[in-house]
Amino acid sequence: MTVKEQFQIPTGLKKWSFSLMGIGIIAVAIGLFTKVLGKDEHEAAIFWGTLLYNSVFFLLIVNASMFFICITTLAMGGWQMAFRRVPEAISAAVPILGIIAILIMFSIVFGHQHHVYHWLDNEAVGKDNILKGKVGFLNPTFFAVWTLLSVGLWALLGFKMRQISRKSDDTPMNVEGGKKFIWKNTLWAAGFIVWFTLTVGSTVPWLWLMSIDAHWYSTMYSWYTFASSFVAGMALITLWVVYLKNKGHLEYVTQEHIHDLGKFMFAFSIFWTYLWFSQFMLIWYAGIPEETIYFKPRVQGPYSAIFFLNLIINFLCPIIILMTRGAKRNYTLLTFMAILILFGHWLDFYQMAMPGISKDHVTLGWLDFGVLAFFVGLLIFLVGRNLTKAPLLQKNHPFLKESIIHHT
């Protein structure tokens, strides 16, 4: 079989990415003039909140690709080797998207946008026993240091994993060399998983998103955020795998691999729903005012339609459409579901953030979709460029044969 090892970005893909980024830049510029420079603090908060949830969402879903690589590495999985360069290319976008997210969050924190993060208002904190009790965690210094450490180590550990992967292209391995390669790969993958757990699995969602509603907390919030970003990350990997297959690349990827990607999308849609229900049901059942305050604007207020649309898109559609074996092997259906899941969880991040900033009315509009267009365009450009930097098939990997003969 002739393998097309190198990917070149098609002109059409470049045009789409630049056009979407252009739309996004125009939307941000208009938002800056109309909302921030207009001196209306509420409108400024909506502007910064929109940038915040978009930047966090896209950063977490590209970082989920490296999480996928590392968990399959620790599981000694070989089935994904036929398309591993796809999640590698997606995860390589972490440094750029991380810098953008950091700039946005630091502008909010050090620009004292207390309508986004209420804990930035020192006067209010001094009069509020709940916020006063959280001041050791919710303060600009801790926020800045932990944010820089989180993104910095994601980028560094991800870079090391990709570096190890690319070294295998150059040198055929004997049995002893293969053992050393697998051990080194496993060691760095374990390091990434530990750091991922300490950040995405715990502190980062608390700092970046949950602290928008600073009086409220949920012990399930980080798991919920992880589930939302991971299933969206798997949908993103699936989209790129199907796209490259349709362009004549990834010759060793078969319906078996596509089927397994569909399983991930299906399974983690159910896992997200389990967390959605568990968090909501426990708070609803207890009926404690300081807990139900989070759900009031989302369930009984102006955001109720978006709250339940979120459940329809992210639970009902995957369980109805992706349950059958045939659906997970249908490229068109899987592409449609991947796009729907990505949109659904972008909407999920919207309703996680914006009701805490604008409780009285829904803000979803031209600015949200403009910023979304920018990040989609940037992601297309970055992933396309990263795919050109290495062969699409990881050569000499000890598990490559296992992937080629994979049967589910």
Protein backbone atom coordinates (compact mmCIF):
# COMPACT_ATOMS: atom_id res chain seq x y z
CA MET A 1 0.00 0.00 0.00
CA THR A 2 1.26 3.47 -0.91
CA VAL A 3 1.05 5.77 2.08
CA LYS A 4 0.71 9.54 1.68
CA GLU A 5 2.90 10.51 4.58
CA GLN A 6 2.94 14.29 4.28
CA PHE A 7 -0.06 16.59 4.61
CA GLN A 8 -0.29 19.88 2.77
CA ILE A 9 -2.93 22.41 3.78
CA PRO A 10 -5.45 22.79 0.93
CA THR A 11 -6.03 26.34 -0.28
CA GLY A 12 -9.73 26.09 0.56
CA LEU A 13 -8.97 25.17 4.17
CA LYS A 14 -6.64 28.16 4.49
CA LYS A 15 -9.30 30.48 3.10
CA TRP A 16 -11.88 29.17 5.54
CA SER A 17 -9.54 29.56 8.51
CA PHE A 18 -8.51 33.13 7.60
CA SER A 19 -12.10 34.13 6.81
CA LEU A 20 -13.37 32.84 10.16
CA MET A 21 -10.53 34.51 12.04
CA GLY A 22 -11.28 37.75 10.19
CA ILE A 23 -14.95 37.59 11.20
CA GLY A 24 -13.90 36.98 14.79
CA ILE A 25 -11.43 39.86 14.88
CA ILE A 26 -14.07 42.24 13.50
CA ALA A 27 -16.60 41.03 16.12
CA VAL A 28 -14.07 41.50 18.95
CA ALA A 29 -13.14 44.97 17.67
CA ILE A 30 -16.81 46.02 17.52
CA GLY A 31 -17.38 44.55 20.99
CA LEU A 32 -14.37 46.43 22.34
CA PHE A 33 -15.68 49.76 21.06
CA THR A 34 -19.35 49.25 21.91
CA LYS A 35 -19.09 47.39 25.21
CA VAL A 36 -15.74 48.14 26.85
CA LEU A 37 -15.06 51.72 25.73
CA GLY A 38 -18.70 52.62 26.28
CA LYS A 39 -17.96 52.72 30.05
CA ASP A 40 -20.95 50.47 30.88
CA GLU A 41 -19.56 48.01 33.44
CA HIS A 42 -22.28 45.43 32.77
CA GLU A 43 -21.62 45.45 29.02
CA ALA A 44 -17.87 45.29 29.64
CA ALA A 45 -18.41 42.24 31.85
CA ILE A 46 -20.39 40.54 29.06
CA PHE A 47 -17.53 41.25 26.63
CA TRP A 48 -14.87 39.79 28.93
CA GLY A 49 -17.08 36.88 29.95
CA THR A 50 -17.63 35.95 26.30
CA LEU A 51 -13.89 35.93 25.64
CA LEU A 52 -13.32 33.98 28.84
CA TYR A 53 -15.59 31.00 28.28
CA ASN A 54 -14.59 30.70 24.60
CA SER A 55 -10.86 30.75 25.34
CA VAL A 56 -11.20 28.26 28.21
CA PHE A 57 -13.39 25.91 26.18
CA PHE A 58 -11.03 25.74 23.20
CA LEU A 59 -7.93 25.45 25.40
CA LEU A 60 -9.42 22.52 27.32
CA ILE A 61 -10.58 20.61 24.25
CA VAL A 62 -7.18 20.80 22.54
CA ASN A 63 -5.52 19.76 25.81
CA ALA A 64 -7.94 16.81 25.91
CA SER A 65 -6.14 15.41 22.85
CA MET A 66 -2.93 15.01 24.83
CA PHE A 67 -4.96 13.45 27.65
CA PHE A 68 -6.28 10.91 25.10
CA ILE A 69 -2.72 10.15 23.94
CA CYS A 70 -1.50 9.67 27.50
CA ILE A 71 -4.35 7.46 28.73
CA THR A 72 -4.00 5.17 25.70
CA THR A 73 -0.24 5.10 26.29
CA LEU A 74 -0.66 4.08 29.93
CA ALA A 75 -3.23 1.47 28.88
CA MET A 76 -0.67 0.02 26.43
CA GLY A 77 -3.19 0.65 23.67
CA GLY A 78 -2.10 0.22 20.09
CA TRP A 79 -5.33 0.73 18.13
CA GLN A 80 -4.90 4.52 17.94
CA MET A 81 -1.43 4.45 16.35
CA ALA A 82 -2.87 4.67 12.81
CA PHE A 83 -4.13 8.21 13.54
CA ARG A 84 -2.07 9.26 16.58
CA ARG A 85 -0.52 12.17 14.68
CA VAL A 86 -3.98 13.81 14.60
CA PRO A 87 -4.34 14.26 18.39
CA GLU A 88 -0.66 15.20 18.47
CA ALA A 89 -1.29 18.01 15.96
CA ILE A 90 -4.35 19.18 17.91
CA SER A 91 -2.51 19.16 21.24
CA ALA A 92 0.30 21.23 19.71
CA ALA A 93 -2.17 24.14 19.68
CA VAL A 94 -2.09 24.27 23.51
CA PRO A 95 0.72 26.88 23.78
CA ILE A 96 -0.97 29.38 21.42
CA LEU A 97 -4.47 28.93 22.83
CA GLY A 98 -2.98 28.93 26.32
CA ILE A 99 -1.32 32.30 25.76
CA ILE A 100 -4.60 33.74 24.44
CA ALA A 101 -6.54 32.39 27.44
CA ILE A 102 -3.91 33.71 29.88
CA LEU A 103 -4.00 37.19 28.31
CA ILE A 104 -7.80 37.27 28.55
CA MET A 105 -7.90 36.01 32.15
CA PHE A 106 -5.11 38.34 33.28
CA SER A 107 -6.91 41.28 31.63
CA ILE A 108 -9.97 40.39 33.71
CA VAL A 109 -8.11 39.80 36.97
CA PHE A 110 -5.58 42.64 36.84
CA GLY A 111 -8.06 44.92 35.11
CA HIS A 112 -10.26 44.47 38.22
CA GLN A 113 -13.31 43.28 36.26
CA HIS A 114 -15.19 42.45 39.46
CA HIS A 115 -18.47 42.05 37.56
CA VAL A 116 -16.91 38.88 36.10
CA TYR A 117 -15.06 37.71 39.22
CA HIS A 118 -16.86 39.17 42.23
CA TRP A 119 -13.95 38.20 44.50
CA LEU A 120 -11.83 40.95 42.89
CA ASP A 121 -13.86 43.60 44.74
CA ASN A 122 -11.88 44.04 47.99
CA GLU A 123 -14.59 46.15 49.58
CA ALA A 124 -17.26 43.53 48.89
CA VAL A 125 -14.99 40.72 50.12
CA GLY A 126 -14.40 42.59 53.37
CA LYS A 127 -18.15 42.63 54.06
CA ASP A 128 -18.80 39.04 52.92
CA ASN A 129 -17.90 36.20 55.27
CA ILE A 130 -18.17 33.56 52.53
CA LEU A 131 -15.77 35.37 50.17
CA LYS A 132 -13.52 36.28 53.09
CA GLY A 133 -13.18 32.58 53.88
CA LYS A 134 -12.05 31.86 50.32
CA VAL A 135 -9.53 34.69 50.03
CA GLY A 136 -6.54 32.34 50.37
CA PHE A 137 -7.60 30.67 47.14
CA LEU A 138 -9.48 33.40 45.32
CA ASN A 139 -6.91 36.15 44.99
CA PRO A 140 -5.03 37.58 41.97
CA THR A 141 -1.61 36.22 42.98
CA PHE A 142 -2.74 32.62 43.43
CA PHE A 143 -4.87 32.84 40.28
CA ALA A 144 -1.94 34.10 38.19
CA VAL A 145 0.67 31.66 39.53
CA TRP A 146 -1.56 28.58 39.25
CA THR A 147 -2.79 29.57 35.78
CA LEU A 148 0.78 30.01 34.50
CA LEU A 149 1.89 26.72 36.06
CA SER A 150 -1.12 24.84 34.68
CA VAL A 151 -0.81 25.99 31.08
CA GLY A 152 3.00 25.96 31.15
CA LEU A 153 3.26 22.33 32.25
CA TRP A 154 0.49 21.23 29.86
CA ALA A 155 2.53 22.73 27.04
CA LEU A 156 5.87 21.36 28.28
CA LEU A 157 4.73 17.80 29.00
CA GLY A 158 2.74 17.71 25.74
CA PHE A 159 5.81 18.89 23.82
CA LYS A 160 7.89 16.12 25.39
CA MET A 161 5.32 13.47 24.41
CA ARG A 162 5.29 14.71 20.80
CA GLN A 163 9.10 14.88 20.75
CA ILE A 164 9.41 11.24 21.85
CA SER A 165 6.86 10.26 19.20
CA ARG A 166 8.74 11.96 16.38
CA LYS A 167 12.07 10.43 17.39
CA SER A 168 10.63 7.01 16.58
CA ASP A 169 10.31 8.07 12.92
CA ASP A 170 14.07 8.25 12.50
CA THR A 171 15.31 5.05 14.11
CA PRO A 172 14.15 1.46 13.57
CA MET A 173 13.92 -0.35 16.93
CA ASN A 174 15.04 -3.76 18.04
CA VAL A 175 13.32 -5.47 20.97
CA GLU A 176 15.50 -3.76 23.58
CA GLY A 177 15.10 -0.35 21.92
CA GLY A 178 11.34 -0.85 21.77
CA LYS A 179 11.18 -1.60 25.50
CA LYS A 180 13.15 1.56 26.33
CA PHE A 181 10.93 3.62 24.03
CA ILE A 182 7.73 2.31 25.61
CA TRP A 183 9.08 2.87 29.14
CA LYS A 184 10.10 6.46 28.38
CA ASN A 185 6.75 7.13 26.70
CA THR A 186 4.89 5.66 29.68
CA LEU A 187 6.89 7.69 32.20
CA TRP A 188 6.14 11.04 30.53
CA ALA A 189 2.51 10.07 29.92
CA ALA A 190 2.12 9.31 33.63
CA GLY A 191 3.61 12.73 34.46
CA PHE A 192 1.08 14.44 32.21
CA ILE A 193 -1.84 12.49 33.72
CA VAL A 194 -0.81 13.44 37.26
CA TRP A 195 -0.62 17.13 36.35
CA PHE A 196 -3.83 16.93 34.33
CA THR A 197 -5.59 15.48 37.38
CA LEU A 198 -4.29 18.22 39.67
CA THR A 199 -5.46 20.92 37.25
CA VAL A 200 -8.36 19.97 34.96
CA GLY A 201 -9.53 17.35 37.45
CA SER A 202 -9.63 19.80 40.34
CA THR A 203 -8.33 23.36 40.60
CA VAL A 204 -8.50 24.93 37.14
CA PRO A 205 -12.31 24.73 36.69
CA TRP A 206 -12.75 26.14 40.21
CA LEU A 207 -10.53 29.12 39.46
CA TRP A 208 -11.46 29.92 35.88
CA LEU A 209 -15.19 29.16 35.81
CA MET A 210 -16.75 28.20 39.15
CA SER A 211 -15.40 31.33 40.85
CA ILE A 212 -17.65 33.45 38.58
CA ASP A 213 -20.39 32.31 41.02
CA ALA A 214 -18.08 32.81 43.99
CA HIS A 215 -20.68 32.04 46.69
CA TRP A 216 -21.52 28.69 45.15
CA TYR A 217 -19.49 25.51 44.91
CA SER A 218 -19.91 21.93 43.78
CA THR A 219 -17.56 19.03 44.46
CA MET A 220 -18.59 17.58 41.07
CA TYR A 221 -17.85 20.74 39.08
CA SER A 222 -14.35 19.78 37.90
CA TRP A 223 -15.48 16.31 36.81
CA TYR A 224 -18.37 17.90 34.96
CA THR A 225 -16.01 20.35 33.20
CA PHE A 226 -13.62 17.53 32.34
CA ALA A 227 -16.40 15.38 30.87
CA SER A 228 -17.68 18.24 28.74
CA SER A 229 -14.25 19.16 27.40
CA PHE A 230 -13.11 15.55 26.85
CA VAL A 231 -16.12 14.44 24.81
CA ALA A 232 -15.78 17.64 22.74
CA GLY A 233 -12.08 16.84 22.35
CA MET A 234 -12.90 13.35 21.05
CA ALA A 235 -15.38 14.89 18.61
CA LEU A 236 -12.62 17.20 17.36
CA ILE A 237 -10.22 14.27 16.83
CA THR A 238 -12.96 12.40 14.96
CA LEU A 239 -13.62 15.36 12.65
CA TRP A 240 -9.97 15.62 11.65
CA VAL A 241 -9.58 11.85 11.18
CA VAL A 242 -12.62 11.71 8.88
CA TYR A 243 -11.45 14.83 7.02
CA LEU A 244 -7.98 13.35 6.38
CA LYS A 245 -9.49 10.01 5.32
CA ASN A 246 -11.68 11.82 2.80
CA LYS A 247 -8.57 13.57 1.46
CA GLY A 248 -6.85 10.24 0.82
CA HIS A 249 -4.62 10.22 3.94
CA LEU A 250 -4.49 7.86 6.95
CA GLU A 251 -4.63 4.79 4.73
CA TYR A 252 -4.37 2.41 7.68
CA VAL A 253 -7.39 3.91 9.43
CA THR A 254 -10.40 1.69 8.86
CA GLN A 255 -14.02 1.55 9.95
CA GLU A 256 -12.76 -0.26 13.05
CA HIS A 257 -10.89 2.86 14.21
CA ILE A 258 -13.80 5.13 13.28
CA HIS A 259 -16.13 2.83 15.22
CA ASP A 260 -13.94 3.14 18.33
CA LEU A 261 -13.89 6.93 18.07
CA GLY A 262 -17.68 6.79 17.86
CA LYS A 263 -17.69 4.66 21.01
CA PHE A 264 -15.72 7.33 22.86
CA MET A 265 -18.15 10.04 21.72
CA PHE A 266 -21.13 7.92 22.76
CA ALA A 267 -19.70 6.73 26.09
CA PHE A 268 -18.52 10.11 27.31
CA SER A 269 -21.77 11.76 26.27
CA ILE A 270 -23.44 9.36 28.70
CA PHE A 271 -20.74 10.01 31.31
CA TRP A 272 -21.32 13.78 30.97
CA THR A 273 -25.07 13.19 31.42
CA TYR A 274 -24.46 11.11 34.53
CA LEU A 275 -22.50 14.00 36.05
CA TRP A 276 -25.07 16.56 34.85
CA PHE A 277 -27.87 14.60 36.52
CA SER A 278 -25.93 13.83 39.70
CA GLN A 279 -24.95 17.44 40.30
CA PHE A 280 -28.40 18.82 39.49
CA MET A 281 -30.42 16.12 41.27
CA LEU A 282 -28.53 16.32 44.58
CA ILE A 283 -28.85 20.11 44.72
CA TRP A 284 -32.53 20.04 43.68
CA TYR A 285 -33.36 17.32 46.21
CA ALA A 286 -31.64 19.07 49.12
CA GLY A 287 -33.13 22.47 48.26
CA ILE A 288 -30.47 24.39 50.23
CA PRO A 289 -30.62 28.08 49.17
CA GLU A 290 -26.84 28.60 48.91
CA GLU A 291 -26.68 25.61 46.53
CA THR A 292 -29.82 26.22 44.46
CA ILE A 293 -28.75 29.82 43.74
CA TYR A 294 -26.59 28.52 40.87
CA PHE A 295 -29.50 26.80 39.16
CA LYS A 296 -32.16 29.50 39.69
CA PRO A 297 -31.32 31.60 36.58
CA ARG A 298 -30.52 28.45 34.59
CA VAL A 299 -33.62 26.37 35.33
CA GLN A 300 -36.29 28.91 36.32
CA GLY A 301 -34.82 32.10 34.89
CA PRO A 302 -34.04 33.47 31.42
CA TYR A 303 -31.48 30.74 30.64
CA SER A 304 -33.89 27.82 31.06
CA ALA A 305 -34.31 27.22 27.31
CA ILE A 306 -30.52 27.04 26.81
CA PHE A 307 -30.12 24.86 29.91
CA PHE A 308 -32.51 22.19 28.60
CA LEU A 309 -31.42 22.57 24.95
CA ASN A 310 -27.97 21.73 26.27
CA LEU A 311 -29.34 18.44 27.65
CA ILE A 312 -31.12 17.62 24.38
CA ILE A 313 -28.03 18.21 22.23
CA ASN A 314 -25.48 16.59 24.53
CA PHE A 315 -27.51 13.62 25.79
CA LEU A 316 -30.63 12.81 23.78
CA CYS A 317 -29.04 13.25 20.35
CA PRO A 318 -25.94 11.08 21.09
CA ILE A 319 -27.90 8.31 22.80
CA ILE A 320 -30.55 8.15 20.05
CA ILE A 321 -28.24 8.58 17.04
CA LEU A 322 -24.98 6.91 18.16
CA MET A 323 -26.35 3.85 19.96
CA THR A 324 -26.24 1.50 16.98
CA ARG A 325 -23.10 -0.10 15.57
CA GLY A 326 -23.88 1.13 12.06
CA ALA A 327 -24.15 4.75 13.15
CA LYS A 328 -20.63 4.66 14.60
CA ARG A 329 -19.29 3.41 11.25
CA ASN A 330 -21.11 5.93 9.07
CA TYR A 331 -18.69 8.76 8.22
CA THR A 332 -21.44 11.28 7.40
CA LEU A 333 -23.44 10.58 10.54
CA LEU A 334 -20.34 10.61 12.73
CA THR A 335 -19.22 13.93 11.23
CA PHE A 336 -22.65 15.44 11.88
CA MET A 337 -22.62 14.19 15.48
CA ALA A 338 -19.06 15.42 16.07
CA ILE A 339 -20.05 18.92 14.96
CA LEU A 340 -23.23 18.78 17.05
CA ILE A 341 -21.33 17.62 20.15
CA LEU A 342 -18.75 20.38 19.73
CA PHE A 343 -21.49 22.99 19.41
CA GLY A 344 -23.45 21.47 22.30
CA HIS A 345 -20.54 21.61 24.70
CA TRP A 346 -19.58 25.11 23.58
CA LEU A 347 -23.17 25.96 24.58
CA ASP A 348 -22.58 24.09 27.84
CA PHE A 349 -19.59 26.31 28.64
CA TYR A 350 -21.69 29.35 27.77
CA GLN A 351 -24.35 28.41 30.32
CA MET A 352 -21.67 27.55 32.87
CA ALA A 353 -20.23 31.07 32.70
CA MET A 354 -22.63 33.74 31.48
CA PRO A 355 -25.60 33.40 33.88
CA GLY A 356 -23.19 34.30 36.67
CA ILE A 357 -22.27 37.50 34.84
CA SER A 358 -25.67 38.48 33.43
CA LYS A 359 -28.43 36.88 35.53
CA ASP A 360 -31.34 38.93 34.21
CA HIS A 361 -31.12 38.36 30.45
CA VAL A 362 -29.56 35.98 27.94
CA THR A 363 -26.52 37.50 26.27
CA LEU A 364 -26.07 34.93 23.48
CA GLY A 365 -25.70 36.88 20.25
CA TRP A 366 -23.40 38.24 17.58
CA LEU A 367 -20.39 38.63 19.87
CA ASP A 368 -20.53 35.00 21.05
CA PHE A 369 -20.74 33.64 17.51
CA GLY A 370 -18.09 36.08 16.29
CA VAL A 371 -15.63 34.95 18.97
CA LEU A 372 -16.58 31.33 18.22
CA ALA A 373 -15.74 31.93 14.55
CA PHE A 374 -12.32 33.31 15.50
CA PHE A 375 -11.39 30.29 17.61
CA VAL A 376 -12.70 27.81 15.02
CA GLY A 377 -10.66 29.54 12.31
CA LEU A 378 -7.56 29.67 14.50
CA LEU A 379 -7.95 25.99 15.40
CA ILE A 380 -8.28 24.97 11.74
CA PHE A 381 -5.14 26.96 10.90
CA LEU A 382 -3.04 25.67 13.82
CA VAL A 383 -3.99 22.00 13.46
CA GLY A 384 -3.56 22.10 9.67
CA ARG A 385 -0.11 23.67 10.06
CA ASN A 386 0.90 21.20 12.79
CA LEU A 387 -0.12 18.25 10.60
CA THR A 388 2.42 19.33 7.97
CA LYS A 389 5.33 19.15 10.42
CA ALA A 390 5.57 15.37 10.76
CA PRO A 391 4.62 12.25 8.78
CA LEU A 392 0.97 11.33 9.29
CA LEU A 393 1.98 7.78 10.22
CA GLN A 394 4.23 7.24 13.23
CA LYS A 395 6.92 4.96 11.89
CA ASN A 396 8.76 2.24 13.81
CA HIS A 397 6.41 2.30 16.81
CA PRO A 398 6.30 -1.16 18.43
CA PHE A 399 2.47 -1.09 18.46
CA LEU A 400 1.95 0.02 14.84
CA LYS A 401 1.17 -3.48 13.59
CA GLU A 402 -1.47 -3.86 16.30
CA SER A 403 -3.20 -0.76 14.95
CA ILE A 404 -3.02 -1.92 11.33
CA ILE A 405 -4.70 -5.26 12.11
CA HIS A 406 -7.08 -3.72 14.67
CA HIS A 407 -10.54 -5.26 14.78
CA THR A 408 -13.23 -4.19 17.24
